[in-house]
Every structure is written in C-alpha cells, then in structure tokens.
N, C-alpha and C. Protein backbone atom coordinates (compact mmCIF):
# COMPACT_ATOMS: atom_id res chain seq x y z
N MET A 1 95.02 97.00 110.09
CA MET A 1 95.74 96.19 109.15
C MET A 1 97.04 96.91 108.76
N TYR A 2 96.95 98.23 108.54
CA TYR A 2 98.14 98.98 108.14
C TYR A 2 99.23 98.88 109.20
N THR A 3 98.85 99.02 110.46
CA THR A 3 99.84 99.00 111.55
C THR A 3 100.60 97.68 111.58
N ALA A 4 99.88 96.58 111.40
CA ALA A 4 100.54 95.26 111.40
C ALA A 4 101.50 95.14 110.23
N LEU A 5 101.10 95.62 109.06
CA LEU A 5 101.97 95.54 107.89
C LEU A 5 103.16 96.50 108.01
N ALA A 6 102.91 97.69 108.56
CA ALA A 6 103.96 98.71 108.67
C ALA A 6 105.04 98.31 109.66
N GLY A 7 104.71 97.40 110.56
CA GLY A 7 105.72 96.91 111.49
C GLY A 7 106.79 96.08 110.80
N ARG A 8 106.49 95.63 109.62
CA ARG A 8 107.41 94.75 108.91
C ARG A 8 107.93 95.36 107.61
N TRP A 9 107.11 96.15 106.92
CA TRP A 9 107.48 96.69 105.61
C TRP A 9 107.39 98.21 105.59
N SER A 10 107.87 98.81 104.52
CA SER A 10 107.84 100.27 104.35
C SER A 10 106.40 100.75 104.17
N PRO A 11 106.13 102.03 104.42
CA PRO A 11 104.76 102.54 104.28
C PRO A 11 104.13 102.30 102.90
N PRO A 12 104.83 102.56 101.78
CA PRO A 12 104.18 102.31 100.49
C PRO A 12 103.78 100.84 100.29
N ILE A 13 104.65 99.93 100.70
CA ILE A 13 104.35 98.50 100.56
C ILE A 13 103.19 98.13 101.48
N SER A 14 103.18 98.72 102.68
CA SER A 14 102.11 98.43 103.64
C SER A 14 100.76 98.93 103.12
N VAL A 15 100.75 100.11 102.52
CA VAL A 15 99.50 100.64 101.96
C VAL A 15 99.02 99.75 100.82
N CYS A 16 99.93 99.33 99.95
CA CYS A 16 99.54 98.43 98.84
C CYS A 16 99.04 97.09 99.38
N GLY A 17 99.72 96.56 100.38
CA GLY A 17 99.30 95.29 100.98
C GLY A 17 97.92 95.41 101.60
N GLN A 18 97.69 96.51 102.33
CA GLN A 18 96.37 96.73 102.93
C GLN A 18 95.30 96.82 101.86
N THR A 19 95.62 97.51 100.78
CA THR A 19 94.66 97.67 99.69
C THR A 19 94.27 96.31 99.11
N VAL A 20 95.25 95.49 98.84
CA VAL A 20 94.98 94.16 98.27
C VAL A 20 94.18 93.30 99.25
N LEU A 21 94.62 93.24 100.50
CA LEU A 21 93.94 92.40 101.48
C LEU A 21 92.50 92.85 101.72
N PHE A 22 92.29 94.15 101.85
CA PHE A 22 90.95 94.67 102.10
C PHE A 22 90.03 94.40 100.91
N THR A 23 90.53 94.62 99.71
CA THR A 23 89.71 94.42 98.51
C THR A 23 89.39 92.94 98.31
N VAL A 24 90.35 92.08 98.51
CA VAL A 24 90.11 90.64 98.38
C VAL A 24 89.10 90.18 99.44
N TRP A 25 89.27 90.65 100.67
CA TRP A 25 88.34 90.27 101.74
C TRP A 25 86.92 90.74 101.40
N GLY A 26 86.78 91.98 100.95
CA GLY A 26 85.46 92.50 100.58
C GLY A 26 84.82 91.68 99.46
N THR A 27 85.64 91.23 98.53
CA THR A 27 85.13 90.41 97.43
C THR A 27 84.72 89.02 97.93
N LEU A 28 85.54 88.44 98.80
CA LEU A 28 85.24 87.10 99.32
C LEU A 28 83.96 87.05 100.15
N ILE A 29 83.67 88.10 100.89
CA ILE A 29 82.45 88.09 101.72
C ILE A 29 81.23 88.60 100.96
N GLY A 30 81.41 88.96 99.69
CA GLY A 30 80.28 89.37 98.87
C GLY A 30 79.90 90.83 98.97
N ALA A 31 80.76 91.66 99.52
CA ALA A 31 80.45 93.08 99.66
C ALA A 31 80.66 93.85 98.36
N THR A 32 81.34 93.23 97.41
CA THR A 32 81.58 93.87 96.12
C THR A 32 80.77 93.14 95.07
N GLY A 33 79.65 93.69 94.70
CA GLY A 33 78.78 93.03 93.74
C GLY A 33 79.07 93.39 92.30
N SER A 34 79.95 94.35 92.10
CA SER A 34 80.23 94.78 90.73
C SER A 34 81.67 95.30 90.66
N ILE A 35 82.14 95.51 89.46
CA ILE A 35 83.49 96.02 89.26
C ILE A 35 83.62 97.43 89.85
N ASP A 36 82.54 98.20 89.81
CA ASP A 36 82.56 99.54 90.39
C ASP A 36 82.84 99.49 91.88
N ARG A 37 82.23 98.54 92.56
CA ARG A 37 82.44 98.40 94.01
C ARG A 37 83.85 97.90 94.32
N ILE A 38 84.39 97.04 93.48
CA ILE A 38 85.75 96.56 93.68
C ILE A 38 86.73 97.72 93.57
N VAL A 39 86.53 98.56 92.56
CA VAL A 39 87.38 99.74 92.39
C VAL A 39 87.22 100.68 93.58
N LEU A 40 85.98 100.89 94.03
CA LEU A 40 85.73 101.75 95.18
C LEU A 40 86.44 101.22 96.42
N PHE A 41 86.35 99.91 96.66
CA PHE A 41 87.03 99.30 97.80
C PHE A 41 88.54 99.53 97.72
N ALA A 42 89.10 99.31 96.54
CA ALA A 42 90.55 99.45 96.38
C ALA A 42 91.00 100.89 96.59
N VAL A 43 90.31 101.83 95.98
CA VAL A 43 90.68 103.25 96.11
C VAL A 43 90.49 103.71 97.55
N PHE A 44 89.38 103.34 98.14
CA PHE A 44 89.08 103.75 99.51
C PHE A 44 90.13 103.18 100.48
N SER A 45 90.48 101.93 100.30
CA SER A 45 91.48 101.30 101.17
C SER A 45 92.85 101.94 101.00
N ALA A 46 93.22 102.23 99.77
CA ALA A 46 94.51 102.89 99.51
C ALA A 46 94.54 104.27 100.14
N LEU A 47 93.45 104.99 100.03
CA LEU A 47 93.38 106.34 100.60
C LEU A 47 93.44 106.28 102.12
N LEU A 48 92.73 105.35 102.73
CA LEU A 48 92.79 105.22 104.19
C LEU A 48 94.20 104.82 104.64
N GLY A 49 94.84 103.96 103.89
CA GLY A 49 96.22 103.59 104.22
C GLY A 49 97.16 104.77 104.11
N ALA A 50 96.98 105.58 103.07
CA ALA A 50 97.82 106.76 102.90
C ALA A 50 97.58 107.77 104.03
N ILE A 51 96.32 107.94 104.41
CA ILE A 51 96.01 108.85 105.52
C ILE A 51 96.70 108.36 106.80
N HIS A 52 96.62 107.06 107.05
CA HIS A 52 97.25 106.50 108.24
C HIS A 52 98.77 106.63 108.18
N ALA A 53 99.35 106.41 107.02
CA ALA A 53 100.80 106.51 106.86
C ALA A 53 101.28 107.94 107.10
N VAL A 54 100.54 108.92 106.60
CA VAL A 54 100.96 110.31 106.72
C VAL A 54 100.71 110.87 108.11
N THR A 55 99.52 110.59 108.67
CA THR A 55 99.18 111.17 109.96
C THR A 55 99.65 110.34 111.14
N GLY A 56 99.82 109.04 110.93
CA GLY A 56 100.19 108.15 112.02
C GLY A 56 99.05 107.90 113.00
N SER A 57 97.86 108.31 112.61
CA SER A 57 96.71 108.21 113.51
C SER A 57 95.57 107.43 112.87
N LEU A 58 95.04 106.51 113.62
CA LEU A 58 93.86 105.78 113.17
C LEU A 58 92.63 106.69 113.21
N TRP A 59 92.64 107.69 114.10
CA TRP A 59 91.50 108.60 114.23
C TRP A 59 91.24 109.39 112.95
N ALA A 60 92.29 109.78 112.25
CA ALA A 60 92.11 110.50 110.98
C ALA A 60 91.39 109.61 109.97
N CYS A 61 91.76 108.34 109.94
CA CYS A 61 91.10 107.38 109.04
C CYS A 61 89.63 107.21 109.41
N MET A 62 89.38 107.10 110.71
CA MET A 62 88.00 106.92 111.16
C MET A 62 87.15 108.16 110.84
N GLY A 63 87.73 109.33 110.99
CA GLY A 63 87.00 110.56 110.66
C GLY A 63 86.68 110.64 109.18
N PHE A 64 87.65 110.33 108.32
CA PHE A 64 87.41 110.35 106.88
C PHE A 64 86.36 109.32 106.50
N HIS A 65 86.47 108.12 107.05
CA HIS A 65 85.52 107.05 106.74
C HIS A 65 84.11 107.44 107.17
N THR A 66 83.97 107.99 108.36
CA THR A 66 82.65 108.40 108.86
C THR A 66 82.05 109.49 107.99
N ALA A 67 82.83 110.50 107.67
CA ALA A 67 82.33 111.60 106.83
C ALA A 67 81.89 111.08 105.46
N PHE A 68 82.69 110.20 104.88
CA PHE A 68 82.35 109.64 103.58
C PHE A 68 81.07 108.81 103.64
N GLN A 69 80.99 107.92 104.64
CA GLN A 69 79.83 107.04 104.74
C GLN A 69 78.53 107.81 104.97
N VAL A 70 78.56 108.77 105.87
CA VAL A 70 77.35 109.55 106.15
C VAL A 70 76.90 110.29 104.90
N THR A 71 77.84 110.90 104.20
CA THR A 71 77.50 111.63 102.98
C THR A 71 76.97 110.69 101.90
N ALA A 72 77.64 109.57 101.69
CA ALA A 72 77.21 108.62 100.67
C ALA A 72 75.83 108.06 100.97
N GLN A 73 75.57 107.73 102.23
CA GLN A 73 74.27 107.18 102.58
C GLN A 73 73.17 108.23 102.50
N LEU A 74 73.52 109.45 102.82
CA LEU A 74 72.54 110.53 102.70
C LEU A 74 72.13 110.73 101.25
N LEU A 75 73.09 110.62 100.34
CA LEU A 75 72.80 110.86 98.94
C LEU A 75 72.24 109.66 98.20
N THR A 76 72.60 108.45 98.62
CA THR A 76 72.21 107.29 97.83
C THR A 76 71.18 106.39 98.48
N GLY A 77 70.93 106.54 99.75
CA GLY A 77 70.02 105.62 100.42
C GLY A 77 68.71 106.26 100.80
N ASN A 78 67.81 105.46 101.29
CA ASN A 78 66.52 105.94 101.77
C ASN A 78 66.50 105.99 103.29
N HIS A 79 67.68 106.20 103.88
CA HIS A 79 67.80 106.19 105.33
C HIS A 79 67.17 107.43 105.96
N TRP A 80 67.26 108.53 105.26
CA TRP A 80 66.71 109.78 105.77
C TRP A 80 65.76 110.37 104.73
N PRO A 81 64.51 109.94 104.72
CA PRO A 81 63.58 110.37 103.67
C PRO A 81 63.28 111.87 103.70
N GLN A 82 63.59 112.55 104.82
CA GLN A 82 63.32 113.98 104.87
C GLN A 82 64.32 114.77 104.02
N ALA A 83 65.45 114.15 103.64
CA ALA A 83 66.42 114.81 102.78
C ALA A 83 66.20 114.32 101.35
N ASP A 84 65.88 115.22 100.47
CA ASP A 84 65.60 114.85 99.08
C ASP A 84 66.57 115.60 98.17
N LEU A 85 67.26 114.87 97.33
CA LEU A 85 68.23 115.46 96.43
C LEU A 85 67.76 115.22 95.00
N ALA A 86 67.49 116.30 94.29
CA ALA A 86 67.07 116.19 92.89
C ALA A 86 68.33 116.11 92.03
N ASP A 87 68.74 114.91 91.73
CA ASP A 87 69.97 114.68 90.96
C ASP A 87 69.77 113.48 90.03
N PRO A 88 68.92 113.64 89.00
CA PRO A 88 68.60 112.49 88.15
C PRO A 88 69.80 111.91 87.42
N GLY A 89 70.78 112.72 87.06
CA GLY A 89 71.94 112.21 86.35
C GLY A 89 73.03 111.70 87.26
N GLY A 90 72.91 111.94 88.56
CA GLY A 90 73.92 111.48 89.51
C GLY A 90 75.16 112.34 89.57
N THR A 91 75.12 113.52 88.95
CA THR A 91 76.30 114.38 88.90
C THR A 91 76.70 114.88 90.29
N ILE A 92 75.74 115.36 91.05
CA ILE A 92 76.05 115.88 92.38
C ILE A 92 76.55 114.74 93.26
N SER A 93 75.91 113.60 93.19
CA SER A 93 76.34 112.45 93.99
C SER A 93 77.77 112.05 93.64
N ALA A 94 78.09 112.03 92.35
CA ALA A 94 79.44 111.65 91.92
C ALA A 94 80.46 112.66 92.42
N LEU A 95 80.13 113.94 92.37
CA LEU A 95 81.05 114.96 92.86
C LEU A 95 81.27 114.87 94.36
N VAL A 96 80.21 114.60 95.11
CA VAL A 96 80.33 114.49 96.56
C VAL A 96 81.21 113.30 96.92
N VAL A 97 81.21 112.27 96.11
CA VAL A 97 82.07 111.13 96.35
C VAL A 97 83.50 111.44 95.86
N ALA A 98 83.63 112.04 94.69
CA ALA A 98 84.95 112.26 94.09
C ALA A 98 85.74 113.36 94.78
N ILE A 99 85.09 114.44 95.18
CA ILE A 99 85.82 115.59 95.74
C ILE A 99 86.61 115.21 97.00
N PRO A 100 86.01 114.53 97.99
CA PRO A 100 86.84 114.18 99.16
C PRO A 100 88.04 113.30 98.82
N PHE A 101 87.85 112.37 97.88
CA PHE A 101 88.96 111.52 97.48
C PHE A 101 90.07 112.33 96.83
N LEU A 102 89.69 113.20 95.90
CA LEU A 102 90.70 113.99 95.18
C LEU A 102 91.41 114.98 96.08
N VAL A 103 90.66 115.65 96.94
CA VAL A 103 91.28 116.63 97.85
C VAL A 103 92.23 115.93 98.82
N THR A 104 91.79 114.84 99.39
CA THR A 104 92.64 114.12 100.35
C THR A 104 93.88 113.59 99.66
N ALA A 105 93.72 112.99 98.49
CA ALA A 105 94.87 112.47 97.76
C ALA A 105 95.85 113.58 97.40
N THR A 106 95.33 114.75 97.05
CA THR A 106 96.19 115.88 96.70
C THR A 106 96.96 116.38 97.92
N LEU A 107 96.28 116.45 99.06
CA LEU A 107 96.93 116.95 100.28
C LEU A 107 97.98 115.98 100.82
N LEU A 108 97.80 114.70 100.54
CA LEU A 108 98.77 113.72 101.03
C LEU A 108 100.02 113.80 100.21
C-alpha cells in the first residue's frame, strides 16, 4: 500500500494515508473489536510505513511484523502451551509489545 501511495505523494503523506486505509479496512472487516485494537492497528501501520519509508524495503517491514506477531502470540495465546509466562498483571506482555515499537520509532 505504501509503495502505491509513495508513487504519488511524499513519504509522510503516504505513511499517514497507509495508516488511515489500513485502520479503516481492519475496522470494516471486523478485525478491530475494541478501541485498543483500533489504536494498535493505527500505530502498527504507521510504524510499518515509517520502516518502509526509511529502509525502502518491504523485507524490513515483514521482519518486524513477523517478530512482533510471534512474540505477541507466544505471550497472549494458547498456541504453544509448553511456554508458560507468569504475568498476572500483564506488565511483561505490555513491555514486550511496547519496547519494539518504542525502539523502532526512536531509531527511525
């Protein structure tokens, strides 16, 4: 999506456009069941757009997305029952989600 938008507009406008389109699409198909998910979609899309704008590579976006998804599913899902995380308050889970976003945003 970023590449198509960047062919016509500047990188900042393209990243914002991608963010809006991705978030609206996620909401329309029902992938965002709460305001938290809408915010997550918007931030994640903006970060992926920024990564693509800075690196010029879709592979960097795919690597970040894969690392985030695997970590999030490991911590929040029952996909791998052999991994058990004792985190009743969700602090570790929140940090594992927040740290990659903050570090990547800072480096960009």
